[in-house]
Amino acid sequence: MQMSKQEASAQLRQQLTDVAAIVLVDFAGMTVAEATELRNKFRDAGCTYRVYKNSVVRFAVADTSLAPVTPLLKGMTGVAFNPDDPGAPARVVREVAKEVKSLKVKGGVIEGTVLDAAGVERLADMPGPRELKAQFLALLNAPATQMVRVLQAGPQSFLYLLNAKKDKDAA
């Protein structure tokens, strides 16, 4: 039993409630094997990817921060998103597009700002949540590490001084 456009639109709207960014792709000309590989890579990255009718997407994003994407809804459109990592779909598309020349980025939207293909490329360059957490922890750890080095510097310098004095007395 096929879902009506209204049901599909309502379901997509529900899925997009906590999503900061979506990426739209044009998959025209892809083989079935290439499309399957694309879907698998999206799944492996924790992304949701699905092909919708443009009218379904248009109704789902109406009156949301994702609404500016509406002008990009022409032709065949695949919608990809990840609620936890806004850059993940863009990274997957960039990776697959290197091998599959028929895969094209239509654009995307992040927090109400429309992205062209170059903008999606910049989104792909953004670090994911794991990388950001690692950078944050390294930032928190740096002052403690430097403090230990400063505290060690005094006794270490004194030890060098004693060794130099011993070497001088021996000579």
N, C-alpha and C. Protein backbone atom coordinates (compact mmCIF):
# COMPACT_ATOMS: atom_id res chain seq x y z
N MET A 1 0.85 -1.19 0.00
CA MET A 1 0.00 0.00 0.00
C MET A 1 0.89 1.24 0.00
N GLN A 2 0.66 2.10 -0.94
CA GLN A 2 1.48 3.30 -1.10
C GLN A 2 0.97 4.42 -0.19
N MET A 3 1.91 5.17 0.34
CA MET A 3 1.59 6.28 1.23
C MET A 3 1.16 7.49 0.39
N SER A 4 0.18 8.24 0.87
CA SER A 4 -0.25 9.43 0.15
C SER A 4 0.81 10.53 0.29
N LYS A 5 0.72 11.54 -0.58
CA LYS A 5 1.68 12.65 -0.52
C LYS A 5 1.62 13.35 0.83
N GLN A 6 0.40 13.51 1.36
CA GLN A 6 0.25 14.20 2.65
C GLN A 6 0.91 13.40 3.77
N GLU A 7 0.73 12.08 3.75
CA GLU A 7 1.34 11.23 4.78
C GLU A 7 2.86 11.26 4.67
N ALA A 8 3.36 11.14 3.43
CA ALA A 8 4.80 11.17 3.21
C ALA A 8 5.39 12.51 3.64
N SER A 9 4.68 13.59 3.32
CA SER A 9 5.13 14.92 3.69
C SER A 9 5.16 15.09 5.21
N ALA A 10 4.12 14.61 5.88
CA ALA A 10 4.06 14.70 7.35
C ALA A 10 5.17 13.87 7.99
N GLN A 11 5.42 12.70 7.44
CA GLN A 11 6.47 11.85 7.97
C GLN A 11 7.85 12.50 7.78
N LEU A 12 8.10 13.05 6.60
CA LEU A 12 9.37 13.73 6.34
C LEU A 12 9.52 14.95 7.24
N ARG A 13 8.46 15.72 7.42
CA ARG A 13 8.51 16.89 8.30
C ARG A 13 8.89 16.47 9.72
N GLN A 14 8.33 15.36 10.18
CA GLN A 14 8.65 14.85 11.52
C GLN A 14 10.14 14.49 11.61
N GLN A 15 10.67 13.84 10.57
CA GLN A 15 12.08 13.46 10.58
C GLN A 15 13.00 14.67 10.54
N LEU A 16 12.55 15.74 9.92
CA LEU A 16 13.40 16.93 9.75
C LEU A 16 13.31 17.92 10.91
N THR A 17 12.51 17.63 11.95
CA THR A 17 12.32 18.60 13.03
C THR A 17 13.62 18.98 13.73
N ASP A 18 14.52 18.04 13.96
CA ASP A 18 15.76 18.33 14.68
C ASP A 18 16.98 18.35 13.77
N VAL A 19 16.77 18.51 12.48
CA VAL A 19 17.86 18.48 11.52
C VAL A 19 18.32 19.90 11.22
N ALA A 20 19.63 20.13 11.30
CA ALA A 20 20.18 21.47 11.04
C ALA A 20 20.46 21.69 9.56
N ALA A 21 20.72 20.59 8.82
CA ALA A 21 21.10 20.74 7.41
C ALA A 21 20.60 19.56 6.60
N ILE A 22 20.28 19.85 5.33
CA ILE A 22 19.97 18.78 4.38
C ILE A 22 20.77 19.03 3.11
N VAL A 23 21.06 17.94 2.40
CA VAL A 23 21.78 18.01 1.14
C VAL A 23 20.89 17.39 0.08
N LEU A 24 20.76 18.08 -1.05
CA LEU A 24 19.96 17.59 -2.16
C LEU A 24 20.89 17.14 -3.29
N VAL A 25 20.63 15.95 -3.83
CA VAL A 25 21.45 15.43 -4.91
C VAL A 25 20.60 15.07 -6.11
N ASP A 26 21.21 15.17 -7.27
CA ASP A 26 20.59 14.76 -8.52
C ASP A 26 21.27 13.46 -8.92
N PHE A 27 20.52 12.38 -8.93
CA PHE A 27 21.10 11.06 -9.17
C PHE A 27 20.79 10.56 -10.58
N ALA A 28 20.30 11.42 -11.46
CA ALA A 28 19.96 11.01 -12.82
C ALA A 28 21.19 10.44 -13.52
N GLY A 29 21.03 9.32 -14.18
CA GLY A 29 22.12 8.71 -14.92
C GLY A 29 22.92 7.70 -14.13
N MET A 30 22.61 7.54 -12.85
CA MET A 30 23.32 6.55 -12.05
C MET A 30 22.77 5.15 -12.34
N THR A 31 23.64 4.17 -12.30
CA THR A 31 23.19 2.79 -12.46
C THR A 31 22.59 2.32 -11.14
N VAL A 32 21.91 1.19 -11.19
CA VAL A 32 21.31 0.64 -9.97
C VAL A 32 22.41 0.30 -8.96
N ALA A 33 23.51 -0.26 -9.43
CA ALA A 33 24.62 -0.61 -8.54
C ALA A 33 25.20 0.64 -7.88
N GLU A 34 25.36 1.72 -8.64
CA GLU A 34 25.89 2.97 -8.08
C GLU A 34 24.92 3.56 -7.06
N ALA A 35 23.62 3.51 -7.36
CA ALA A 35 22.62 4.03 -6.42
C ALA A 35 22.61 3.21 -5.14
N THR A 36 22.76 1.90 -5.27
CA THR A 36 22.80 1.03 -4.09
C THR A 36 24.03 1.33 -3.25
N GLU A 37 25.16 1.54 -3.91
CA GLU A 37 26.39 1.89 -3.20
C GLU A 37 26.21 3.23 -2.46
N LEU A 38 25.58 4.20 -3.12
CA LEU A 38 25.32 5.49 -2.49
C LEU A 38 24.46 5.33 -1.25
N ARG A 39 23.38 4.57 -1.36
CA ARG A 39 22.51 4.33 -0.20
C ARG A 39 23.26 3.65 0.93
N ASN A 40 24.10 2.67 0.61
CA ASN A 40 24.87 1.96 1.63
C ASN A 40 25.85 2.88 2.34
N LYS A 41 26.50 3.75 1.58
CA LYS A 41 27.45 4.68 2.20
C LYS A 41 26.73 5.68 3.10
N PHE A 42 25.56 6.14 2.67
CA PHE A 42 24.77 7.03 3.55
C PHE A 42 24.40 6.29 4.83
N ARG A 43 23.96 5.06 4.70
CA ARG A 43 23.56 4.26 5.87
C ARG A 43 24.75 4.07 6.81
N ASP A 44 25.93 3.74 6.25
CA ASP A 44 27.12 3.54 7.06
C ASP A 44 27.52 4.80 7.82
N ALA A 45 27.24 5.97 7.24
CA ALA A 45 27.58 7.25 7.88
C ALA A 45 26.50 7.71 8.84
N GLY A 46 25.44 6.92 9.01
CA GLY A 46 24.36 7.29 9.93
C GLY A 46 23.39 8.30 9.34
N CYS A 47 23.39 8.43 8.02
CA CYS A 47 22.53 9.41 7.35
C CYS A 47 21.24 8.75 6.88
N THR A 48 20.24 9.57 6.71
CA THR A 48 19.00 9.15 6.08
C THR A 48 19.01 9.70 4.67
N TYR A 49 18.77 8.82 3.70
CA TYR A 49 18.73 9.23 2.31
C TYR A 49 17.52 8.60 1.66
N ARG A 50 16.76 9.42 0.97
CA ARG A 50 15.58 8.92 0.30
C ARG A 50 15.24 9.84 -0.86
N VAL A 51 14.60 9.26 -1.86
CA VAL A 51 14.13 10.03 -3.00
C VAL A 51 12.66 10.34 -2.77
N TYR A 52 12.33 11.61 -2.86
CA TYR A 52 10.96 12.07 -2.65
C TYR A 52 10.50 12.83 -3.88
N LYS A 53 9.20 12.90 -4.05
CA LYS A 53 8.67 13.82 -5.05
C LYS A 53 8.93 15.23 -4.53
N ASN A 54 9.20 16.14 -5.45
CA ASN A 54 9.53 17.51 -5.06
C ASN A 54 8.40 18.16 -4.27
N SER A 55 7.16 17.85 -4.61
CA SER A 55 6.03 18.44 -3.89
C SER A 55 6.00 17.97 -2.44
N VAL A 56 6.39 16.71 -2.19
CA VAL A 56 6.42 16.19 -0.82
C VAL A 56 7.45 16.95 0.00
N VAL A 57 8.63 17.16 -0.57
CA VAL A 57 9.68 17.90 0.14
C VAL A 57 9.25 19.35 0.35
N ARG A 58 8.64 19.94 -0.66
CA ARG A 58 8.20 21.33 -0.58
C ARG A 58 7.23 21.52 0.60
N PHE A 59 6.25 20.61 0.73
CA PHE A 59 5.30 20.71 1.83
C PHE A 59 5.95 20.39 3.18
N ALA A 60 6.91 19.47 3.20
CA ALA A 60 7.55 19.08 4.45
C ALA A 60 8.41 20.20 5.03
N VAL A 61 9.06 20.99 4.17
CA VAL A 61 9.95 22.04 4.67
C VAL A 61 9.27 23.40 4.80
N ALA A 62 8.02 23.49 4.35
CA ALA A 62 7.30 24.78 4.41
C ALA A 62 7.25 25.28 5.85
N ASP A 63 7.52 26.55 6.02
CA ASP A 63 7.48 27.22 7.33
C ASP A 63 8.48 26.63 8.32
N THR A 64 9.62 26.15 7.84
CA THR A 64 10.69 25.68 8.73
C THR A 64 11.97 26.40 8.33
N SER A 65 13.05 26.15 9.08
CA SER A 65 14.34 26.77 8.74
C SER A 65 14.92 26.18 7.46
N LEU A 66 14.35 25.07 7.00
CA LEU A 66 14.83 24.43 5.78
C LEU A 66 14.08 24.90 4.53
N ALA A 67 13.09 25.75 4.69
CA ALA A 67 12.24 26.22 3.58
C ALA A 67 13.02 26.89 2.45
N PRO A 68 14.14 27.58 2.69
CA PRO A 68 14.86 28.22 1.58
C PRO A 68 15.36 27.24 0.50
N VAL A 69 15.29 25.95 0.75
CA VAL A 69 15.76 24.96 -0.22
C VAL A 69 14.75 24.77 -1.36
N THR A 70 13.56 25.29 -1.23
CA THR A 70 12.48 25.07 -2.19
C THR A 70 12.86 25.37 -3.64
N PRO A 71 13.57 26.43 -3.97
CA PRO A 71 13.92 26.68 -5.38
C PRO A 71 14.79 25.59 -6.02
N LEU A 72 15.48 24.79 -5.21
CA LEU A 72 16.34 23.74 -5.73
C LEU A 72 15.56 22.48 -6.11
N LEU A 73 14.28 22.44 -5.79
CA LEU A 73 13.47 21.24 -6.01
C LEU A 73 12.96 21.18 -7.44
N LYS A 74 13.85 20.77 -8.33
CA LYS A 74 13.50 20.60 -9.74
C LYS A 74 14.14 19.29 -10.20
N GLY A 75 13.46 18.59 -11.09
CA GLY A 75 14.00 17.33 -11.58
C GLY A 75 13.98 16.25 -10.51
N MET A 76 14.82 15.25 -10.67
CA MET A 76 14.89 14.17 -9.69
C MET A 76 15.72 14.62 -8.49
N THR A 77 15.20 14.41 -7.29
CA THR A 77 15.86 14.92 -6.09
C THR A 77 15.97 13.83 -5.03
N GLY A 78 17.19 13.63 -4.57
CA GLY A 78 17.43 12.78 -3.41
C GLY A 78 17.73 13.67 -2.23
N VAL A 79 17.15 13.36 -1.08
CA VAL A 79 17.33 14.18 0.13
C VAL A 79 18.15 13.37 1.14
N ALA A 80 19.22 13.97 1.64
CA ALA A 80 20.08 13.31 2.63
C ALA A 80 20.24 14.22 3.83
N PHE A 81 20.21 13.61 5.03
CA PHE A 81 20.41 14.38 6.25
C PHE A 81 20.87 13.47 7.37
N ASN A 82 21.46 14.09 8.38
CA ASN A 82 21.89 13.38 9.58
C ASN A 82 21.62 14.32 10.75
N PRO A 83 20.74 13.93 11.68
CA PRO A 83 20.40 14.83 12.79
C PRO A 83 21.57 15.14 13.73
N ASP A 84 22.55 14.23 13.81
CA ASP A 84 23.66 14.42 14.74
C ASP A 84 24.88 15.09 14.14
N ASP A 85 25.06 14.95 12.82
CA ASP A 85 26.25 15.48 12.15
C ASP A 85 25.84 16.12 10.83
N PRO A 86 25.65 17.44 10.80
CA PRO A 86 25.19 18.10 9.58
C PRO A 86 26.11 17.92 8.38
N GLY A 87 27.39 17.70 8.60
CA GLY A 87 28.33 17.56 7.50
C GLY A 87 28.44 16.15 6.93
N ALA A 88 27.89 15.16 7.62
CA ALA A 88 28.04 13.76 7.18
C ALA A 88 27.48 13.51 5.78
N PRO A 89 26.25 13.97 5.45
CA PRO A 89 25.77 13.70 4.09
C PRO A 89 26.64 14.36 3.02
N ALA A 90 27.16 15.53 3.31
CA ALA A 90 28.01 16.23 2.34
C ALA A 90 29.32 15.46 2.13
N ARG A 91 29.87 14.88 3.20
CA ARG A 91 31.09 14.09 3.07
C ARG A 91 30.85 12.84 2.23
N VAL A 92 29.70 12.18 2.44
CA VAL A 92 29.38 10.99 1.67
C VAL A 92 29.22 11.33 0.20
N VAL A 93 28.49 12.40 -0.09
CA VAL A 93 28.27 12.80 -1.49
C VAL A 93 29.60 13.12 -2.16
N ARG A 94 30.48 13.84 -1.45
CA ARG A 94 31.78 14.19 -2.02
C ARG A 94 32.58 12.92 -2.34
N GLU A 95 32.56 11.97 -1.42
CA GLU A 95 33.31 10.72 -1.61
C GLU A 95 32.78 9.92 -2.80
N VAL A 96 31.46 9.78 -2.89
CA VAL A 96 30.86 8.98 -3.96
C VAL A 96 30.97 9.70 -5.31
N ALA A 97 30.85 11.03 -5.31
CA ALA A 97 30.91 11.78 -6.57
C ALA A 97 32.27 11.69 -7.24
N LYS A 98 33.32 11.37 -6.47
CA LYS A 98 34.64 11.18 -7.07
C LYS A 98 34.64 9.98 -8.02
N GLU A 99 33.88 8.95 -7.65
CA GLU A 99 33.83 7.72 -8.45
C GLU A 99 32.68 7.73 -9.46
N VAL A 100 31.56 8.32 -9.07
CA VAL A 100 30.35 8.31 -9.90
C VAL A 100 30.13 9.71 -10.46
N LYS A 101 30.52 9.90 -11.71
CA LYS A 101 30.47 11.24 -12.32
C LYS A 101 29.04 11.73 -12.55
N SER A 102 28.06 10.81 -12.62
CA SER A 102 26.68 11.24 -12.89
C SER A 102 25.98 11.78 -11.63
N LEU A 103 26.57 11.60 -10.44
CA LEU A 103 26.00 12.12 -9.20
C LEU A 103 26.33 13.60 -9.09
N LYS A 104 25.32 14.43 -9.00
CA LYS A 104 25.51 15.88 -8.92
C LYS A 104 24.88 16.41 -7.63
N VAL A 105 25.54 17.38 -7.04
CA VAL A 105 25.00 18.06 -5.86
C VAL A 105 24.14 19.21 -6.35
N LYS A 106 22.87 19.20 -5.96
CA LYS A 106 21.99 20.32 -6.30
C LYS A 106 22.24 21.49 -5.37
N GLY A 107 22.49 21.17 -4.12
CA GLY A 107 22.69 22.20 -3.11
C GLY A 107 22.22 21.68 -1.77
N GLY A 108 21.94 22.58 -0.89
CA GLY A 108 21.49 22.20 0.44
C GLY A 108 21.09 23.43 1.22
N VAL A 109 20.80 23.19 2.47
CA VAL A 109 20.46 24.30 3.36
C VAL A 109 20.94 23.93 4.76
N ILE A 110 21.51 24.91 5.45
CA ILE A 110 21.92 24.72 6.83
C ILE A 110 21.44 25.93 7.62
N GLU A 111 20.65 25.65 8.63
CA GLU A 111 20.14 26.69 9.52
C GLU A 111 19.54 27.87 8.75
N GLY A 112 18.79 27.58 7.68
CA GLY A 112 18.12 28.62 6.92
C GLY A 112 18.94 29.26 5.82
N THR A 113 20.20 28.87 5.67
CA THR A 113 21.07 29.43 4.63
C THR A 113 21.19 28.43 3.49
N VAL A 114 20.86 28.87 2.29
CA VAL A 114 20.94 28.01 1.12
C VAL A 114 22.40 27.83 0.71
N LEU A 115 22.76 26.60 0.37
CA LEU A 115 24.12 26.29 -0.06
C LEU A 115 24.10 25.84 -1.51
N ASP A 116 25.03 26.35 -2.28
CA ASP A 116 25.21 25.82 -3.64
C ASP A 116 26.17 24.63 -3.53
N ALA A 117 26.61 24.11 -4.65
CA ALA A 117 27.50 22.94 -4.63
C ALA A 117 28.80 23.25 -3.88
N ALA A 118 29.34 24.45 -4.05
CA ALA A 118 30.56 24.84 -3.34
C ALA A 118 30.30 24.95 -1.83
N GLY A 119 29.12 25.43 -1.46
CA GLY A 119 28.75 25.51 -0.05
C GLY A 119 28.63 24.14 0.58
N VAL A 120 28.10 23.18 -0.17
CA VAL A 120 28.01 21.80 0.32
C VAL A 120 29.42 21.22 0.49
N GLU A 121 30.32 21.59 -0.40
CA GLU A 121 31.72 21.16 -0.28
C GLU A 121 32.34 21.70 1.00
N ARG A 122 32.06 22.96 1.31
CA ARG A 122 32.57 23.55 2.57
C ARG A 122 31.93 22.87 3.78
N LEU A 123 30.65 22.51 3.66
CA LEU A 123 29.98 21.78 4.74
C LEU A 123 30.65 20.43 4.96
N ALA A 124 31.10 19.79 3.88
CA ALA A 124 31.79 18.51 3.99
C ALA A 124 33.13 18.66 4.72
N ASP A 125 33.73 19.84 4.64
CA ASP A 125 35.01 20.08 5.31
C ASP A 125 34.87 20.31 6.80
N MET A 126 33.65 20.56 7.26
CA MET A 126 33.43 20.80 8.69
C MET A 126 33.72 19.53 9.47
N PRO A 127 34.36 19.65 10.63
CA PRO A 127 34.59 18.45 11.44
C PRO A 127 33.27 17.93 12.02
N GLY A 128 33.21 16.63 12.19
CA GLY A 128 32.03 16.01 12.76
C GLY A 128 32.03 16.14 14.27
N PRO A 129 31.00 15.65 14.94
CA PRO A 129 30.90 15.77 16.40
C PRO A 129 32.07 15.11 17.14
N ARG A 130 32.53 13.95 16.65
CA ARG A 130 33.66 13.28 17.32
C ARG A 130 34.93 14.12 17.24
N GLU A 131 35.19 14.68 16.06
CA GLU A 131 36.39 15.50 15.90
C GLU A 131 36.30 16.76 16.76
N LEU A 132 35.11 17.36 16.81
CA LEU A 132 34.94 18.56 17.64
C LEU A 132 35.15 18.25 19.12
N LYS A 133 34.64 17.11 19.57
CA LYS A 133 34.84 16.71 20.98
C LYS A 133 36.31 16.48 21.27
N ALA A 134 37.01 15.83 20.35
CA ALA A 134 38.44 15.59 20.54
C ALA A 134 39.21 16.90 20.60
N GLN A 135 38.88 17.84 19.71
CA GLN A 135 39.55 19.14 19.72
C GLN A 135 39.26 19.88 21.03
N PHE A 136 38.02 19.80 21.51
CA PHE A 136 37.64 20.47 22.74
C PHE A 136 38.39 19.87 23.93
N LEU A 137 38.46 18.54 23.99
CA LEU A 137 39.18 17.90 25.09
C LEU A 137 40.67 18.23 25.05
N ALA A 138 41.24 18.30 23.86
CA ALA A 138 42.65 18.68 23.74
C ALA A 138 42.85 20.11 24.21
N LEU A 139 41.89 20.97 23.91
CA LEU A 139 41.96 22.36 24.35
C LEU A 139 41.89 22.45 25.87
N LEU A 140 41.02 21.63 26.47
CA LEU A 140 40.92 21.63 27.94
C LEU A 140 42.16 21.04 28.59
N ASN A 141 42.77 20.08 27.93
CA ASN A 141 43.92 19.39 28.48
C ASN A 141 45.22 20.20 28.36
N ALA A 142 45.29 21.09 27.39
CA ALA A 142 46.52 21.84 27.13
C ALA A 142 47.01 22.66 28.32
N PRO A 143 46.17 23.44 29.02
CA PRO A 143 46.68 24.22 30.15
C PRO A 143 47.28 23.34 31.26
N ALA A 144 46.65 22.20 31.53
CA ALA A 144 47.18 21.31 32.58
C ALA A 144 48.53 20.75 32.17
N THR A 145 48.68 20.38 30.92
CA THR A 145 49.95 19.84 30.43
C THR A 145 51.04 20.91 30.52
N GLN A 146 50.72 22.12 30.12
CA GLN A 146 51.71 23.20 30.17
C GLN A 146 52.07 23.54 31.62
N MET A 147 51.11 23.44 32.53
CA MET A 147 51.39 23.74 33.93
C MET A 147 52.37 22.69 34.50
N VAL A 148 52.18 21.44 34.15
CA VAL A 148 53.09 20.39 34.61
C VAL A 148 54.49 20.65 34.07
N ARG A 149 54.59 21.07 32.81
CA ARG A 149 55.90 21.36 32.22
C ARG A 149 56.57 22.53 32.94
N VAL A 150 55.80 23.55 33.31
CA VAL A 150 56.36 24.70 34.02
C VAL A 150 56.84 24.29 35.40
N LEU A 151 56.06 23.46 36.09
CA LEU A 151 56.44 23.01 37.42
C LEU A 151 57.68 22.11 37.37
N GLN A 152 57.84 21.36 36.29
CA GLN A 152 59.02 20.50 36.15
C GLN A 152 60.26 21.29 35.74
N ALA A 153 60.08 22.42 35.12
CA ALA A 153 61.20 23.18 34.57
C ALA A 153 62.18 23.61 35.66
N GLY A 154 61.68 24.04 36.82
CA GLY A 154 62.57 24.51 37.90
C GLY A 154 63.51 23.41 38.39
N PRO A 155 62.96 22.30 38.88
CA PRO A 155 63.85 21.22 39.35
C PRO A 155 64.75 20.66 38.24
N GLN A 156 64.24 20.60 37.02
CA GLN A 156 65.04 20.09 35.91
C GLN A 156 66.21 21.03 35.62
N SER A 157 65.97 22.31 35.62
CA SER A 157 67.04 23.29 35.40
C SER A 157 68.07 23.21 36.52
N PHE A 158 67.60 23.02 37.76
CA PHE A 158 68.52 22.89 38.90
C PHE A 158 69.39 21.64 38.74
N LEU A 159 68.79 20.55 38.24
CA LEU A 159 69.53 19.32 38.01
C LEU A 159 70.60 19.53 36.93
N TYR A 160 70.26 20.25 35.87
CA TYR A 160 71.24 20.57 34.82
C TYR A 160 72.39 21.39 35.39
N LEU A 161 72.07 22.32 36.26
CA LEU A 161 73.07 23.16 36.89
C LEU A 161 74.03 22.32 37.74
N LEU A 162 73.48 21.39 38.52
CA LEU A 162 74.32 20.52 39.36
C LEU A 162 75.22 19.63 38.50
N ASN A 163 74.67 19.09 37.41
CA ASN A 163 75.46 18.26 36.51
C ASN A 163 76.58 19.06 35.85
N ALA A 164 76.28 20.30 35.46
CA ALA A 164 77.30 21.16 34.86
C ALA A 164 78.40 21.46 35.87
N LYS A 165 78.04 21.72 37.13
CA LYS A 165 79.00 22.01 38.20
C LYS A 165 79.88 20.80 38.45
N LYS A 166 79.26 19.57 38.45
CA LYS A 166 80.00 18.33 38.66
C LYS A 166 81.00 18.12 37.52
N ASP A 167 80.56 18.36 36.28
CA ASP A 167 81.44 18.18 35.12
C ASP A 167 82.60 19.18 35.15
N LYS A 168 82.33 20.39 35.63
CA LYS A 168 83.36 21.42 35.70
C LYS A 168 84.38 21.06 36.78
N ASP A 169 83.91 20.58 37.93
CA ASP A 169 84.81 20.21 39.02
C ASP A 169 85.65 18.99 38.63
N ALA A 170 85.08 18.08 37.82
CA ALA A 170 85.82 16.90 37.40
C ALA A 170 86.92 17.26 36.41
N ALA A 171 86.72 18.32 35.66
CA ALA A 171 87.71 18.74 34.66
C ALA A 171 88.74 19.58 35.32
